[in-house]
Amino acid sequence: MTIQTHIQRFARDEEGVTMIEYALLAALIAVALIATIGLLEGGIQAVFTRIYTCLNDAVGGTVC
């Protein structure tokens, strides 16, 4: 095979491009998840605090 044949084969090969696209997509999803969790952190913490309080009150005989 000649160098020109290798260059043409390399130019037509899309396998690496697809891998890069999947990596970019995975990175975008990761950033979106991190941002969403950051925004919901206060609300999630409030829910678990309420559950903790209700469980402690239930042990003491108080209805939440």
Protein backbone atom coordinates (compact mmCIF):
# COMPACT_ATOMS: atom_id res chain seq x y z
CA MET A 1 0.00 0.00 0.00
CA THR A 2 1.14 3.48 -0.75
CA ILE A 3 1.13 6.45 1.59
CA GLN A 4 -1.71 7.97 -0.41
CA THR A 5 -3.84 4.87 0.19
CA HIS A 6 -3.17 5.06 3.94
CA ILE A 7 -4.10 8.75 4.00
CA GLN A 8 -7.34 8.10 2.12
CA ARG A 9 -8.24 5.24 4.45
CA PHE A 10 -7.50 7.44 7.48
CA ALA A 11 -9.66 10.26 6.09
CA ARG A 12 -12.63 7.90 5.55
CA ASP A 13 -12.37 6.28 8.97
CA GLU A 14 -15.17 7.62 11.19
CA GLU A 15 -14.65 5.33 14.15
CA GLY A 16 -12.62 7.88 16.13
CA VAL A 17 -15.13 10.64 15.41
CA THR A 18 -17.96 8.54 16.81
CA MET A 19 -15.97 7.83 19.96
CA ILE A 20 -15.31 11.55 20.46
CA GLU A 21 -19.01 12.31 19.97
CA TYR A 22 -19.96 9.76 22.63
CA ALA A 23 -17.36 11.18 25.02
CA LEU A 24 -18.69 14.71 24.51
CA LEU A 25 -22.25 13.50 25.05
CA ALA A 26 -21.27 11.70 28.27
CA ALA A 27 -19.47 14.83 29.50
CA LEU A 28 -22.53 16.97 28.74
CA ILE A 29 -24.79 14.57 30.64
CA ALA A 30 -22.39 14.59 33.60
CA VAL A 31 -22.34 18.40 33.71
CA ALA A 32 -26.15 18.51 33.53
CA LEU A 33 -26.47 16.01 36.39
CA ILE A 34 -24.00 17.91 38.56
CA ALA A 35 -25.83 21.18 37.93
CA THR A 36 -29.23 19.62 38.67
CA ILE A 37 -28.04 18.02 41.89
CA GLY A 38 -26.51 21.35 42.92
CA LEU A 39 -29.82 23.14 42.36
CA LEU A 40 -31.89 20.51 44.18
CA GLU A 41 -29.49 20.05 47.10
CA GLY A 42 -31.36 22.36 49.47
CA GLY A 43 -34.73 20.79 48.72
CA ILE A 44 -33.43 17.26 49.10
CA GLN A 45 -31.78 18.13 52.39
CA ALA A 46 -35.06 19.67 53.64
CA VAL A 47 -36.99 16.50 52.79
CA PHE A 48 -34.55 14.26 54.64
CA THR A 49 -34.50 16.64 57.62
CA ARG A 50 -38.31 16.47 57.78
CA ILE A 51 -38.25 12.67 57.58
CA TYR A 52 -35.66 12.55 60.37
CA THR A 53 -37.73 14.90 62.52
CA CYS A 54 -40.94 12.92 61.93
CA LEU A 55 -39.23 9.63 62.79
CA ASN A 56 -37.81 11.09 66.00
CA ASP A 57 -41.21 12.52 66.91
CA ALA A 58 -42.88 9.16 66.22
CA VAL A 59 -40.48 7.46 68.63
CA GLY A 60 -41.50 10.04 71.25
CA GLY A 61 -45.21 9.41 70.60
CA THR A 62 -45.90 12.63 68.68
CA VAL A 63 -47.67 12.50 65.32
CA CYS A 64 -45.85 14.38 62.59
